[in-house]
Amino acid sequence: MPSFKFHLQEIDWVIYLPSHGNEGRTPTKYGVAFLDRKKGRSQPGRRIALEEVMSKAEIKDGYPHTIGFFLNSRGKGKSWKPDYLRKKTIKSKKGFYSYLKELGL
């Protein structure tokens, strides 16, 4: 299933928002997956609420974040490079939810 992907550049995390399955939910309750690329760790189990990811210390204590929105990427490991469609600097959790709204998600 295709997904919308957000790369938090400073901490090198990727948040995956599936293109289907979140209809009727508020953005805070969207089911998402994430990957901490530095540690090679993702969320336990299947999907978790976006609000839970945005409340993790690495994100909430690290603002501002430069977030790149992308659908595709190239390479693996250190040569990995996302093909950004749009980038934005956000200063809060609320800023990220506003970014989703701007993108129509």
Protein backbone atom coordinates (compact mmCIF):
# COMPACT_ATOMS: atom_id res chain seq x y z
CA MET A 1 0.00 0.00 0.00
CA PRO A 2 1.46 3.42 -0.95
CA SER A 3 2.13 5.84 1.84
CA PHE A 4 3.00 9.46 2.44
CA LYS A 5 6.42 9.82 4.04
CA PHE A 6 7.89 12.53 6.21
CA HIS A 7 11.62 12.75 6.93
CA LEU A 8 12.63 14.65 10.06
CA GLN A 9 16.09 15.63 8.87
CA GLU A 10 17.79 16.65 12.11
CA ILE A 11 17.03 13.38 13.90
CA ASP A 12 16.85 11.21 10.74
CA TRP A 13 13.42 9.73 11.44
CA VAL A 14 10.83 8.78 8.83
CA ILE A 15 7.10 8.81 9.62
CA TYR A 16 4.93 6.74 7.27
CA LEU A 17 1.30 7.78 6.87
CA PRO A 18 -0.68 5.18 4.88
CA SER A 19 -2.76 6.53 2.01
CA HIS A 20 -5.81 4.57 3.26
CA GLY A 21 -7.19 3.57 6.63
CA ASN A 22 -7.25 6.89 8.48
CA GLU A 23 -10.47 8.22 6.97
CA GLY A 24 -12.72 9.83 9.60
CA ARG A 25 -9.94 10.16 12.18
CA THR A 26 -8.41 13.37 13.45
CA PRO A 27 -4.71 13.74 12.50
CA THR A 28 -3.62 13.10 16.10
CA LYS A 29 -5.27 9.66 15.91
CA TYR A 30 -3.89 8.70 12.48
CA GLY A 31 -2.32 5.25 12.53
CA VAL A 32 1.31 5.61 11.40
CA ALA A 33 4.60 3.77 11.37
CA PHE A 34 7.99 5.33 12.02
CA LEU A 35 11.65 4.49 11.59
CA ASP A 36 14.55 5.91 13.58
CA ARG A 37 17.16 5.56 10.83
CA LYS A 38 20.12 6.24 13.15
CA LYS A 39 19.21 3.38 15.50
CA GLY A 40 17.46 1.22 12.91
CA ARG A 41 14.39 0.98 15.15
CA SER A 42 10.72 1.29 14.36
CA GLN A 43 7.53 1.27 16.40
CA PRO A 44 6.67 -1.91 18.24
CA GLY A 45 3.99 -3.98 16.54
CA ARG A 46 1.91 -2.54 13.74
CA ARG A 47 0.80 1.10 13.60
CA ILE A 48 0.63 3.59 16.44
CA ALA A 49 -1.17 6.92 16.79
CA LEU A 50 0.60 9.90 15.25
CA GLU A 51 0.13 11.73 18.55
CA GLU A 52 2.22 9.04 20.26
CA VAL A 53 5.07 9.43 17.75
CA MET A 54 4.99 13.24 18.01
CA SER A 55 5.22 12.93 21.82
CA LYS A 56 8.48 10.97 21.74
CA ALA A 57 11.35 12.84 23.40
CA GLU A 58 13.48 12.86 20.24
CA ILE A 59 10.77 14.87 18.49
CA LYS A 60 9.16 16.93 21.27
CA ASP A 61 12.49 18.01 22.79
CA GLY A 62 14.22 18.73 19.48
CA TYR A 63 12.26 21.54 17.82
CA PRO A 64 12.60 23.07 15.31
CA HIS A 65 12.57 20.20 12.82
CA THR A 66 13.02 20.38 9.07
CA ILE A 67 10.47 17.97 7.62
CA GLY A 68 10.67 16.76 4.05
CA PHE A 69 7.52 15.31 2.49
CA PHE A 70 8.28 12.59 -0.08
CA LEU A 71 6.78 9.59 -1.83
CA ASN A 72 9.93 7.93 -3.21
CA SER A 73 13.58 7.61 -2.25
CA ARG A 74 16.82 6.24 -3.69
CA GLY A 75 19.69 4.25 -2.20
CA LYS A 76 20.13 2.48 1.11
CA GLY A 77 21.93 3.16 4.36
CA LYS A 78 24.17 6.24 4.18
CA SER A 79 23.46 6.69 0.46
CA TRP A 80 19.68 6.88 1.09
CA LYS A 81 18.17 10.04 -0.38
CA PRO A 82 14.47 10.95 -0.39
CA ASP A 83 13.04 12.82 -3.37
CA TYR A 84 11.37 15.65 -1.47
CA LEU A 85 8.19 17.14 -2.90
CA ARG A 86 8.14 19.83 -0.22
CA LYS A 87 10.14 20.80 2.86
CA LYS A 88 9.15 22.91 5.83
CA THR A 89 10.59 23.86 9.19
CA ILE A 90 8.18 23.30 12.05
CA LYS A 91 8.50 24.58 15.59
CA SER A 92 5.87 22.51 17.40
CA LYS A 93 3.56 19.50 17.25
CA LYS A 94 0.78 21.89 16.22
CA GLY A 95 3.01 23.04 13.35
CA PHE A 96 3.27 19.48 12.07
CA TYR A 97 -0.51 19.03 12.13
CA SER A 98 -0.85 22.34 10.23
CA TYR A 99 1.67 21.03 7.67
CA LEU A 100 -0.50 17.92 7.15
CA LYS A 101 -3.51 20.17 6.62
CA GLU A 102 -1.59 22.28 4.06
CA LEU A 103 -0.78 19.07 2.17
CA GLY A 104 -4.43 18.00 2.27
CA LEU A 105 -3.78 14.95 4.46
